[in-house]
Amino acid sequence: MSPGLETTVLPATIEYACEDGRTMRVERAAGATSATVSLGGNRWTLPRVESAAQEKYAQASTALYLEGDIAFIESDGRVLGGNCRSAVALPKAPTMRPYNF
């Protein structure tokens, strides 16, 4: 194994400050199998799904994307909380990848 690129280590609970001035709170379940999102008096619990994003949680027409210290949530094709950034710096860790000889 060799060190690859760095990946953001996502904690269980993350507070994000969104560009519209609102705060979005994301609580990730053990093993990151689901996430509960609180934004503007609304609350969603979404299961994790496969994605090119670091983590994506979705159900029906609502999806939460977590990519490093940035997050956004959309529903019915409309962004509800966009360009949300973690209120604190999140730690980074090297991603290990296998050697290919």
N, C-alpha and C. Protein backbone atom coordinates (compact mmCIF):
# COMPACT_ATOMS: atom_id res chain seq x y z
N MET A 1 0.84 -1.18 0.00
CA MET A 1 0.00 0.00 0.00
C MET A 1 0.89 1.24 0.00
N SER A 2 0.43 2.25 -0.67
CA SER A 2 1.15 3.52 -0.68
C SER A 2 0.17 4.65 -0.37
N PRO A 3 0.70 5.75 0.21
CA PRO A 3 -0.20 6.86 0.50
C PRO A 3 -0.73 7.47 -0.79
N GLY A 4 -1.99 7.80 -0.79
CA GLY A 4 -2.60 8.46 -1.94
C GLY A 4 -2.96 9.89 -1.58
N LEU A 5 -4.05 10.35 -2.09
CA LEU A 5 -4.52 11.69 -1.79
C LEU A 5 -5.10 11.73 -0.38
N GLU A 6 -5.24 12.93 0.14
CA GLU A 6 -5.85 13.07 1.46
C GLU A 6 -7.37 13.07 1.34
N THR A 7 -8.01 12.51 2.35
CA THR A 7 -9.46 12.48 2.45
C THR A 7 -9.85 13.18 3.73
N THR A 8 -10.93 13.94 3.69
CA THR A 8 -11.44 14.58 4.89
C THR A 8 -12.07 13.53 5.79
N VAL A 9 -11.74 13.57 7.06
CA VAL A 9 -12.32 12.66 8.05
C VAL A 9 -13.60 13.32 8.57
N LEU A 10 -14.74 12.72 8.26
CA LEU A 10 -16.01 13.30 8.66
C LEU A 10 -16.42 12.80 10.04
N PRO A 11 -16.62 13.71 11.00
CA PRO A 11 -17.05 13.30 12.34
C PRO A 11 -18.53 12.90 12.34
N ALA A 12 -19.00 12.36 13.46
CA ALA A 12 -20.39 11.92 13.58
C ALA A 12 -21.37 13.08 13.44
N THR A 13 -21.03 14.24 13.99
CA THR A 13 -21.91 15.41 13.90
C THR A 13 -21.12 16.58 13.32
N ILE A 14 -21.70 17.23 12.33
CA ILE A 14 -21.04 18.35 11.67
C ILE A 14 -22.03 19.51 11.57
N GLU A 15 -21.59 20.69 11.95
CA GLU A 15 -22.37 21.93 11.80
C GLU A 15 -21.82 22.66 10.57
N TYR A 16 -22.70 23.01 9.64
CA TYR A 16 -22.31 23.72 8.44
C TYR A 16 -22.94 25.11 8.43
N ALA A 17 -22.20 26.10 7.96
CA ALA A 17 -22.71 27.45 7.74
C ALA A 17 -22.99 27.58 6.25
N CYS A 18 -24.24 27.84 5.89
CA CYS A 18 -24.63 27.90 4.48
C CYS A 18 -24.56 29.33 3.96
N GLU A 19 -24.43 29.46 2.65
CA GLU A 19 -24.25 30.77 2.04
C GLU A 19 -25.43 31.71 2.27
N ASP A 20 -26.61 31.15 2.56
CA ASP A 20 -27.78 32.00 2.81
C ASP A 20 -27.89 32.42 4.28
N GLY A 21 -26.86 32.07 5.09
CA GLY A 21 -26.83 32.47 6.49
C GLY A 21 -27.42 31.46 7.46
N ARG A 22 -28.04 30.41 6.93
CA ARG A 22 -28.60 29.38 7.81
C ARG A 22 -27.54 28.36 8.22
N THR A 23 -27.85 27.63 9.28
CA THR A 23 -26.97 26.56 9.76
C THR A 23 -27.61 25.22 9.43
N MET A 24 -26.81 24.31 8.91
CA MET A 24 -27.27 22.95 8.63
C MET A 24 -26.49 22.01 9.54
N ARG A 25 -27.21 21.15 10.24
CA ARG A 25 -26.59 20.17 11.14
C ARG A 25 -26.77 18.78 10.53
N VAL A 26 -25.67 18.04 10.45
CA VAL A 26 -25.70 16.67 9.92
C VAL A 26 -25.21 15.74 11.01
N GLU A 27 -26.05 14.75 11.35
CA GLU A 27 -25.68 13.73 12.33
C GLU A 27 -25.60 12.40 11.60
N ARG A 28 -24.39 11.86 11.49
CA ARG A 28 -24.15 10.61 10.78
C ARG A 28 -24.25 9.44 11.75
N ALA A 29 -24.99 8.40 11.37
CA ALA A 29 -25.14 7.20 12.20
C ALA A 29 -23.83 6.42 12.24
N ALA A 30 -23.70 5.53 13.21
CA ALA A 30 -22.53 4.67 13.30
C ALA A 30 -22.35 3.93 11.98
N GLY A 31 -21.13 3.91 11.49
CA GLY A 31 -20.85 3.25 10.21
C GLY A 31 -21.31 4.07 9.01
N ALA A 32 -21.79 5.28 9.26
CA ALA A 32 -22.25 6.19 8.20
C ALA A 32 -23.31 5.54 7.31
N THR A 33 -24.19 4.73 7.92
CA THR A 33 -25.24 4.06 7.15
C THR A 33 -26.42 4.98 6.85
N SER A 34 -26.56 6.05 7.64
CA SER A 34 -27.61 7.04 7.41
C SER A 34 -27.17 8.36 8.01
N ALA A 35 -27.89 9.41 7.65
CA ALA A 35 -27.60 10.73 8.20
C ALA A 35 -28.92 11.46 8.45
N THR A 36 -28.96 12.20 9.55
CA THR A 36 -30.11 13.05 9.85
C THR A 36 -29.67 14.49 9.65
N VAL A 37 -30.43 15.21 8.84
CA VAL A 37 -30.11 16.59 8.47
C VAL A 37 -31.16 17.51 9.07
N SER A 38 -30.71 18.58 9.72
CA SER A 38 -31.61 19.61 10.24
C SER A 38 -31.25 20.92 9.56
N LEU A 39 -32.27 21.57 8.96
CA LEU A 39 -32.06 22.83 8.25
C LEU A 39 -33.35 23.62 8.25
N GLY A 40 -33.31 24.82 8.80
CA GLY A 40 -34.46 25.72 8.74
C GLY A 40 -35.75 25.14 9.28
N GLY A 41 -35.70 24.41 10.38
CA GLY A 41 -36.90 23.84 10.97
C GLY A 41 -37.34 22.53 10.35
N ASN A 42 -36.66 22.09 9.31
CA ASN A 42 -36.96 20.80 8.67
C ASN A 42 -35.93 19.77 9.11
N ARG A 43 -36.34 18.50 9.06
CA ARG A 43 -35.46 17.41 9.48
C ARG A 43 -35.71 16.21 8.57
N TRP A 44 -34.63 15.64 8.05
CA TRP A 44 -34.71 14.47 7.19
C TRP A 44 -33.74 13.41 7.70
N THR A 45 -34.12 12.15 7.65
CA THR A 45 -33.21 11.04 7.90
C THR A 45 -33.11 10.27 6.59
N LEU A 46 -31.89 10.20 6.07
CA LEU A 46 -31.65 9.63 4.75
C LEU A 46 -30.66 8.48 4.82
N PRO A 47 -30.90 7.38 4.10
CA PRO A 47 -29.93 6.29 4.04
C PRO A 47 -28.77 6.63 3.11
N ARG A 48 -27.62 6.04 3.38
CA ARG A 48 -26.45 6.26 2.51
C ARG A 48 -26.63 5.48 1.22
N VAL A 49 -26.19 6.10 0.12
CA VAL A 49 -26.25 5.47 -1.20
C VAL A 49 -24.89 5.62 -1.88
N GLU A 50 -24.64 4.80 -2.89
CA GLU A 50 -23.39 4.88 -3.64
C GLU A 50 -23.34 6.18 -4.43
N SER A 51 -22.14 6.75 -4.51
CA SER A 51 -21.99 8.02 -5.21
C SER A 51 -20.52 8.31 -5.47
N ALA A 52 -20.26 9.18 -6.43
CA ALA A 52 -18.90 9.66 -6.66
C ALA A 52 -18.50 10.66 -5.59
N ALA A 53 -19.47 11.24 -4.89
CA ALA A 53 -19.18 12.16 -3.79
C ALA A 53 -18.58 11.36 -2.64
N GLN A 54 -17.89 12.05 -1.73
CA GLN A 54 -17.31 11.35 -0.58
C GLN A 54 -18.40 10.56 0.14
N GLU A 55 -19.53 11.21 0.42
CA GLU A 55 -20.69 10.53 0.99
C GLU A 55 -21.95 11.16 0.42
N LYS A 56 -22.93 10.30 0.09
CA LYS A 56 -24.23 10.77 -0.38
C LYS A 56 -25.30 9.99 0.37
N TYR A 57 -26.31 10.70 0.80
CA TYR A 57 -27.45 10.12 1.49
C TYR A 57 -28.69 10.55 0.72
N ALA A 58 -29.59 9.62 0.39
CA ALA A 58 -30.74 9.99 -0.43
C ALA A 58 -31.91 9.07 -0.20
N GLN A 59 -33.09 9.65 -0.40
CA GLN A 59 -34.33 8.88 -0.36
C GLN A 59 -35.36 9.66 -1.15
N ALA A 60 -36.05 8.97 -2.04
CA ALA A 60 -37.03 9.60 -2.92
C ALA A 60 -36.36 10.76 -3.65
N SER A 61 -36.87 11.97 -3.52
CA SER A 61 -36.32 13.10 -4.28
C SER A 61 -35.42 14.00 -3.44
N THR A 62 -35.02 13.56 -2.25
CA THR A 62 -34.16 14.36 -1.37
C THR A 62 -32.78 13.72 -1.28
N ALA A 63 -31.73 14.55 -1.44
CA ALA A 63 -30.36 14.03 -1.39
C ALA A 63 -29.45 15.00 -0.66
N LEU A 64 -28.56 14.44 0.16
CA LEU A 64 -27.53 15.19 0.87
C LEU A 64 -26.19 14.73 0.34
N TYR A 65 -25.33 15.70 -0.01
CA TYR A 65 -23.99 15.41 -0.50
C TYR A 65 -22.97 15.98 0.47
N LEU A 66 -22.02 15.15 0.89
CA LEU A 66 -20.91 15.59 1.75
C LEU A 66 -19.63 15.37 0.97
N GLU A 67 -18.87 16.42 0.78
CA GLU A 67 -17.61 16.34 0.04
C GLU A 67 -16.59 17.21 0.76
N GLY A 68 -15.72 16.56 1.53
CA GLY A 68 -14.76 17.32 2.33
C GLY A 68 -15.50 18.16 3.35
N ASP A 69 -15.19 19.45 3.40
CA ASP A 69 -15.85 20.31 4.38
C ASP A 69 -17.05 21.06 3.78
N ILE A 70 -17.51 20.62 2.61
CA ILE A 70 -18.64 21.25 1.93
C ILE A 70 -19.81 20.27 1.86
N ALA A 71 -21.02 20.80 2.02
CA ALA A 71 -22.22 19.97 1.94
C ALA A 71 -23.34 20.75 1.26
N PHE A 72 -24.26 20.01 0.64
CA PHE A 72 -25.50 20.65 0.20
C PHE A 72 -26.61 19.62 0.18
N ILE A 73 -27.84 20.11 0.31
CA ILE A 73 -29.01 19.24 0.29
C ILE A 73 -29.97 19.77 -0.76
N GLU A 74 -30.58 18.84 -1.50
CA GLU A 74 -31.55 19.22 -2.51
C GLU A 74 -32.78 18.34 -2.39
N SER A 75 -33.90 18.86 -2.84
CA SER A 75 -35.15 18.11 -2.84
C SER A 75 -35.97 18.54 -4.04
N ASP A 76 -36.51 17.57 -4.74
CA ASP A 76 -37.30 17.84 -5.95
C ASP A 76 -36.55 18.72 -6.94
N GLY A 77 -35.23 18.52 -7.06
CA GLY A 77 -34.42 19.27 -8.01
C GLY A 77 -34.10 20.69 -7.57
N ARG A 78 -34.47 21.05 -6.35
CA ARG A 78 -34.23 22.40 -5.83
C ARG A 78 -33.24 22.33 -4.69
N VAL A 79 -32.21 23.18 -4.72
CA VAL A 79 -31.22 23.22 -3.64
C VAL A 79 -31.85 23.91 -2.43
N LEU A 80 -31.90 23.21 -1.30
CA LEU A 80 -32.46 23.76 -0.06
C LEU A 80 -31.40 24.42 0.79
N GLY A 81 -30.22 23.85 0.79
CA GLY A 81 -29.07 24.40 1.52
C GLY A 81 -27.86 24.19 0.65
N GLY A 82 -27.31 25.28 0.13
CA GLY A 82 -26.21 25.15 -0.81
C GLY A 82 -24.95 25.85 -0.34
N ASN A 83 -23.84 25.37 -0.85
CA ASN A 83 -22.52 25.90 -0.51
C ASN A 83 -22.37 26.06 1.00
N CYS A 84 -22.69 24.99 1.71
CA CYS A 84 -22.57 24.98 3.16
C CYS A 84 -21.17 24.47 3.52
N ARG A 85 -20.49 25.19 4.38
CA ARG A 85 -19.13 24.83 4.78
C ARG A 85 -19.08 24.52 6.26
N SER A 86 -18.27 23.53 6.62
CA SER A 86 -18.11 23.18 8.02
C SER A 86 -17.68 24.41 8.81
N ALA A 87 -18.30 24.59 9.97
CA ALA A 87 -17.98 25.75 10.81
C ALA A 87 -16.58 25.65 11.40
N VAL A 88 -16.03 24.44 11.47
CA VAL A 88 -14.66 24.22 11.98
C VAL A 88 -13.89 23.41 10.94
N ALA A 89 -12.58 23.54 10.97
CA ALA A 89 -11.74 22.76 10.04
C ALA A 89 -11.85 21.28 10.37
N LEU A 90 -12.08 20.47 9.36
CA LEU A 90 -12.18 19.02 9.55
C LEU A 90 -10.82 18.39 9.28
N PRO A 91 -10.46 17.36 10.07
CA PRO A 91 -9.14 16.74 9.89
C PRO A 91 -9.04 15.99 8.57
N LYS A 92 -7.81 15.84 8.10
CA LYS A 92 -7.52 15.10 6.86
C LYS A 92 -6.70 13.86 7.21
N ALA A 93 -6.84 12.83 6.40
CA ALA A 93 -6.06 11.60 6.56
C ALA A 93 -5.66 11.10 5.18
N PRO A 94 -4.48 10.49 5.05
CA PRO A 94 -4.09 9.97 3.74
C PRO A 94 -4.97 8.80 3.35
N THR A 95 -5.27 8.72 2.07
CA THR A 95 -6.01 7.60 1.52
C THR A 95 -4.97 6.60 1.03
N MET A 96 -5.06 5.37 1.48
CA MET A 96 -4.10 4.35 1.06
C MET A 96 -4.61 3.68 -0.21
N ARG A 97 -3.69 3.45 -1.12
CA ARG A 97 -4.04 2.76 -2.35
C ARG A 97 -3.01 1.67 -2.61
N PRO A 98 -3.41 0.58 -3.27
CA PRO A 98 -2.46 -0.51 -3.51
C PRO A 98 -1.45 -0.13 -4.59
N TYR A 99 -0.25 -0.69 -4.44
CA TYR A 99 0.76 -0.54 -5.49
C TYR A 99 0.32 -1.35 -6.70
N ASN A 100 0.53 -0.82 -7.87
CA ASN A 100 0.25 -1.56 -9.10
C ASN A 100 1.57 -1.74 -9.84
N PHE A 101 2.11 -2.95 -9.79
CA PHE A 101 3.37 -3.24 -10.46
C PHE A 101 3.12 -3.84 -11.81
